[in-house]
């Protein structure tokens, strides 16, 4: 999976995301759907609400590096889809 395929999947799943450009490449931040919506609609009311997220980076050789709520590891496509499904439910 590459960045473009991931973004298509995120749009299909209706998950909020941001693409961040840093020195060595781009990272994609994906946020928990329900918590993100609450925080966007009523930021004062939900100012202390934690929004679950994962950061996805694409490394040379096609490896996918994920930071999922603080846990960092390389994952395969199936594991990445499981993380995205979890964020879609949160």
N, C-alpha and C. Protein backbone atom coordinates (compact mmCIF):
# COMPACT_ATOMS: atom_id res chain seq x y z
N UNK A 1 0.85 -1.18 0.00
CA UNK A 1 0.00 0.00 0.00
C UNK A 1 0.89 1.24 0.00
N UNK A 2 0.51 2.22 -0.80
CA UNK A 2 1.23 3.49 -0.83
C UNK A 2 0.31 4.59 -0.29
N UNK A 3 0.84 5.81 -0.24
CA UNK A 3 0.10 6.93 0.35
C UNK A 3 -1.20 7.21 -0.41
N UNK A 4 -1.17 7.18 -1.71
CA UNK A 4 -2.36 7.47 -2.51
C UNK A 4 -3.46 6.44 -2.28
N UNK A 5 -3.08 5.17 -2.21
CA UNK A 5 -4.04 4.10 -1.94
C UNK A 5 -4.63 4.26 -0.54
N UNK A 6 -3.78 4.61 0.42
CA UNK A 6 -4.25 4.83 1.79
C UNK A 6 -5.28 5.96 1.83
N UNK A 7 -5.00 7.06 1.17
CA UNK A 7 -5.92 8.20 1.19
C UNK A 7 -7.25 7.83 0.54
N UNK A 8 -7.22 7.05 -0.52
CA UNK A 8 -8.47 6.57 -1.13
C UNK A 8 -9.26 5.73 -0.13
N UNK A 9 -8.57 4.86 0.60
CA UNK A 9 -9.22 4.01 1.60
C UNK A 9 -9.81 4.86 2.73
N UNK A 10 -9.09 5.90 3.16
CA UNK A 10 -9.58 6.77 4.23
C UNK A 10 -10.83 7.52 3.78
N UNK A 11 -10.85 7.97 2.55
CA UNK A 11 -12.04 8.64 2.02
C UNK A 11 -13.21 7.67 1.95
N UNK A 12 -12.94 6.46 1.52
CA UNK A 12 -13.97 5.42 1.44
C UNK A 12 -14.55 5.12 2.83
N UNK A 13 -13.69 5.10 3.85
CA UNK A 13 -14.11 4.81 5.22
C UNK A 13 -14.62 6.06 5.94
N UNK A 14 -14.52 7.22 5.30
CA UNK A 14 -14.93 8.50 5.86
C UNK A 14 -14.21 8.79 7.19
N UNK A 15 -12.90 8.54 7.19
CA UNK A 15 -12.07 8.81 8.37
C UNK A 15 -11.37 10.16 8.21
N UNK A 16 -11.34 10.96 9.28
CA UNK A 16 -10.61 12.23 9.21
C UNK A 16 -9.10 11.97 9.20
N UNK A 17 -8.38 12.75 8.40
CA UNK A 17 -6.93 12.57 8.30
C UNK A 17 -6.26 13.89 7.94
N UNK A 18 -4.96 13.94 8.16
CA UNK A 18 -4.11 15.06 7.75
C UNK A 18 -2.84 14.49 7.15
N UNK A 19 -2.33 15.16 6.14
CA UNK A 19 -1.05 14.78 5.56
C UNK A 19 -0.04 15.83 6.01
N UNK A 20 1.04 15.37 6.64
CA UNK A 20 2.05 16.26 7.19
C UNK A 20 3.36 16.01 6.44
N UNK A 21 3.93 17.09 5.93
CA UNK A 21 5.20 17.00 5.21
C UNK A 21 6.33 17.29 6.19
N UNK A 22 7.23 16.35 6.37
CA UNK A 22 8.41 16.57 7.19
C UNK A 22 9.63 16.29 6.34
N UNK A 23 10.79 16.67 6.82
CA UNK A 23 12.03 16.63 6.06
C UNK A 23 12.24 15.44 5.15
N UNK A 24 12.03 14.24 5.65
CA UNK A 24 12.36 13.04 4.87
C UNK A 24 11.18 12.49 4.06
N UNK A 25 10.03 13.08 4.19
CA UNK A 25 8.87 12.57 3.44
C UNK A 25 7.57 13.05 4.04
N UNK A 26 6.52 12.29 3.82
CA UNK A 26 5.21 12.67 4.32
C UNK A 26 4.69 11.61 5.28
N UNK A 27 3.93 12.09 6.26
CA UNK A 27 3.25 11.20 7.19
C UNK A 27 1.76 11.49 7.11
N UNK A 28 0.96 10.48 7.35
CA UNK A 28 -0.49 10.63 7.35
C UNK A 28 -0.98 10.37 8.77
N UNK A 29 -1.69 11.35 9.32
CA UNK A 29 -2.31 11.20 10.64
C UNK A 29 -3.78 10.87 10.42
N UNK A 30 -4.25 9.81 11.07
CA UNK A 30 -5.64 9.39 10.97
C UNK A 30 -6.24 9.44 12.37
N UNK A 31 -7.44 10.01 12.48
CA UNK A 31 -8.05 10.24 13.78
C UNK A 31 -9.30 9.40 13.98
N UNK A 32 -9.61 9.11 15.26
CA UNK A 32 -10.83 8.42 15.61
C UNK A 32 -12.03 9.23 15.15
N UNK A 33 -12.92 8.61 14.43
CA UNK A 33 -14.00 9.30 13.73
C UNK A 33 -14.95 10.05 14.69
N UNK A 34 -15.47 9.38 15.70
CA UNK A 34 -16.47 9.99 16.57
C UNK A 34 -15.88 11.06 17.46
N UNK A 35 -14.74 10.78 18.08
CA UNK A 35 -14.12 11.77 18.97
C UNK A 35 -13.69 13.01 18.18
N UNK A 36 -13.18 12.82 16.98
CA UNK A 36 -12.76 13.94 16.14
C UNK A 36 -13.96 14.83 15.80
N UNK A 37 -15.09 14.20 15.46
CA UNK A 37 -16.30 14.96 15.11
C UNK A 37 -16.80 15.76 16.31
N UNK A 38 -16.81 15.13 17.49
CA UNK A 38 -17.24 15.84 18.69
C UNK A 38 -16.37 17.06 18.96
N UNK A 39 -15.07 16.85 18.85
CA UNK A 39 -14.13 17.94 19.14
C UNK A 39 -14.23 19.06 18.11
N UNK A 40 -14.54 18.74 16.87
CA UNK A 40 -14.68 19.75 15.83
C UNK A 40 -15.97 20.55 16.01
N UNK A 41 -17.06 19.86 16.41
CA UNK A 41 -18.35 20.54 16.56
C UNK A 41 -18.40 21.43 17.79
N UNK A 42 -17.87 20.93 18.91
CA UNK A 42 -17.94 21.67 20.17
C UNK A 42 -16.58 21.66 20.87
N UNK A 43 -15.64 22.46 20.38
CA UNK A 43 -14.28 22.42 20.93
C UNK A 43 -14.20 22.85 22.40
N UNK A 44 -15.03 23.76 22.83
CA UNK A 44 -14.98 24.17 24.24
C UNK A 44 -15.50 23.08 25.16
N UNK A 45 -16.62 22.48 24.78
CA UNK A 45 -17.21 21.42 25.60
C UNK A 45 -16.29 20.21 25.70
N UNK A 46 -15.64 19.87 24.60
CA UNK A 46 -14.80 18.67 24.56
C UNK A 46 -13.31 19.00 24.55
N UNK A 47 -12.92 20.10 25.19
CA UNK A 47 -11.52 20.52 25.16
C UNK A 47 -10.57 19.49 25.77
N UNK A 48 -11.06 18.69 26.71
CA UNK A 48 -10.22 17.68 27.36
C UNK A 48 -10.40 16.28 26.78
N UNK A 49 -11.20 16.16 25.74
CA UNK A 49 -11.46 14.86 25.13
C UNK A 49 -10.23 14.39 24.36
N UNK A 50 -9.80 13.16 24.64
CA UNK A 50 -8.68 12.58 23.90
C UNK A 50 -9.19 12.04 22.57
N UNK A 51 -8.54 12.41 21.50
CA UNK A 51 -8.89 11.92 20.17
C UNK A 51 -7.86 10.85 19.78
N UNK A 52 -8.28 9.59 19.71
CA UNK A 52 -7.34 8.54 19.30
C UNK A 52 -6.86 8.78 17.87
N UNK A 53 -5.61 8.40 17.62
CA UNK A 53 -5.04 8.65 16.30
C UNK A 53 -3.95 7.62 16.02
N UNK A 54 -3.56 7.56 14.77
CA UNK A 54 -2.35 6.83 14.39
C UNK A 54 -1.61 7.66 13.34
N UNK A 55 -0.31 7.54 13.37
CA UNK A 55 0.55 8.22 12.39
C UNK A 55 1.13 7.14 11.50
N UNK A 56 1.02 7.33 10.21
CA UNK A 56 1.46 6.34 9.24
C UNK A 56 2.55 6.94 8.37
N UNK A 57 3.67 6.25 8.28
CA UNK A 57 4.76 6.66 7.42
C UNK A 57 5.12 5.54 6.46
N UNK A 58 5.48 5.90 5.27
CA UNK A 58 5.85 4.91 4.26
C UNK A 58 7.35 4.97 4.05
N UNK A 59 8.02 3.87 4.35
CA UNK A 59 9.48 3.80 4.29
C UNK A 59 9.94 3.22 2.96
N UNK A 60 11.21 3.40 2.70
CA UNK A 60 11.81 2.83 1.48
C UNK A 60 11.62 1.32 1.49
N UNK A 61 11.36 0.77 0.35
CA UNK A 61 11.16 -0.67 0.24
C UNK A 61 9.72 -1.08 0.49
N UNK A 62 8.82 -0.12 0.65
CA UNK A 62 7.41 -0.44 0.81
C UNK A 62 6.96 -0.75 2.22
N UNK A 63 7.84 -0.57 3.21
CA UNK A 63 7.45 -0.85 4.59
C UNK A 63 6.55 0.27 5.11
N UNK A 64 5.58 -0.13 5.95
CA UNK A 64 4.64 0.82 6.55
C UNK A 64 4.96 0.90 8.04
N UNK A 65 5.28 2.10 8.50
CA UNK A 65 5.61 2.33 9.90
C UNK A 65 4.45 3.08 10.55
N UNK A 66 3.94 2.55 11.65
CA UNK A 66 2.76 3.11 12.29
C UNK A 66 3.05 3.42 13.75
N UNK A 67 2.61 4.60 14.16
CA UNK A 67 2.57 4.93 15.58
C UNK A 67 1.09 4.99 15.92
N UNK A 68 0.63 3.98 16.65
CA UNK A 68 -0.78 3.83 16.99
C UNK A 68 -0.98 4.14 18.47
N UNK A 69 -1.41 5.36 18.78
CA UNK A 69 -1.63 5.78 20.17
C UNK A 69 -0.41 5.49 21.04
N UNK A 70 0.76 5.75 20.51
CA UNK A 70 2.00 5.60 21.27
C UNK A 70 2.76 4.32 20.99
N UNK A 71 2.14 3.31 20.43
CA UNK A 71 2.82 2.06 20.11
C UNK A 71 3.38 2.14 18.70
N UNK A 72 4.68 1.97 18.57
CA UNK A 72 5.35 2.13 17.28
C UNK A 72 5.81 0.78 16.74
N UNK A 73 5.54 0.52 15.46
CA UNK A 73 5.97 -0.74 14.87
C UNK A 73 5.76 -0.70 13.35
N UNK A 74 6.43 -1.61 12.67
CA UNK A 74 6.18 -1.82 11.26
C UNK A 74 5.00 -2.77 11.15
N UNK A 75 4.10 -2.49 10.20
CA UNK A 75 2.92 -3.33 10.04
C UNK A 75 2.75 -3.70 8.57
N UNK A 76 1.96 -4.75 8.34
CA UNK A 76 1.61 -5.09 6.97
C UNK A 76 0.24 -4.46 6.65
N UNK A 77 -0.23 -4.63 5.44
CA UNK A 77 -1.48 -3.99 5.02
C UNK A 77 -2.67 -4.45 5.85
N UNK A 78 -2.74 -5.73 6.16
CA UNK A 78 -3.85 -6.27 6.94
C UNK A 78 -3.88 -5.65 8.34
N UNK A 79 -2.73 -5.53 8.98
CA UNK A 79 -2.67 -4.91 10.30
C UNK A 79 -3.07 -3.44 10.24
N UNK A 80 -2.68 -2.76 9.17
CA UNK A 80 -3.04 -1.35 9.00
C UNK A 80 -4.56 -1.22 8.85
N UNK A 81 -5.18 -2.08 8.09
CA UNK A 81 -6.64 -2.04 7.91
C UNK A 81 -7.33 -2.28 9.24
N UNK A 82 -6.80 -3.18 10.07
CA UNK A 82 -7.39 -3.42 11.39
C UNK A 82 -7.32 -2.17 12.26
N UNK A 83 -6.21 -1.46 12.20
CA UNK A 83 -6.05 -0.20 12.96
C UNK A 83 -7.06 0.83 12.46
N UNK A 84 -7.22 0.94 11.14
CA UNK A 84 -8.16 1.90 10.58
C UNK A 84 -9.59 1.55 10.95
N UNK A 85 -9.93 0.26 10.95
CA UNK A 85 -11.28 -0.16 11.35
C UNK A 85 -11.54 0.21 12.82
N UNK A 86 -10.53 0.06 13.65
CA UNK A 86 -10.66 0.41 15.06
C UNK A 86 -10.91 1.91 15.20
N UNK A 87 -10.19 2.73 14.45
CA UNK A 87 -10.39 4.18 14.50
C UNK A 87 -11.76 4.58 13.95
N UNK A 88 -12.26 3.86 12.97
CA UNK A 88 -13.58 4.17 12.42
C UNK A 88 -14.68 3.89 13.45
N UNK A 89 -14.44 2.95 14.34
CA UNK A 89 -15.43 2.61 15.37
C UNK A 89 -15.34 3.51 16.58
N UNK A 90 -14.23 4.21 16.76
CA UNK A 90 -14.03 5.06 17.95
C UNK A 90 -14.54 6.45 17.72
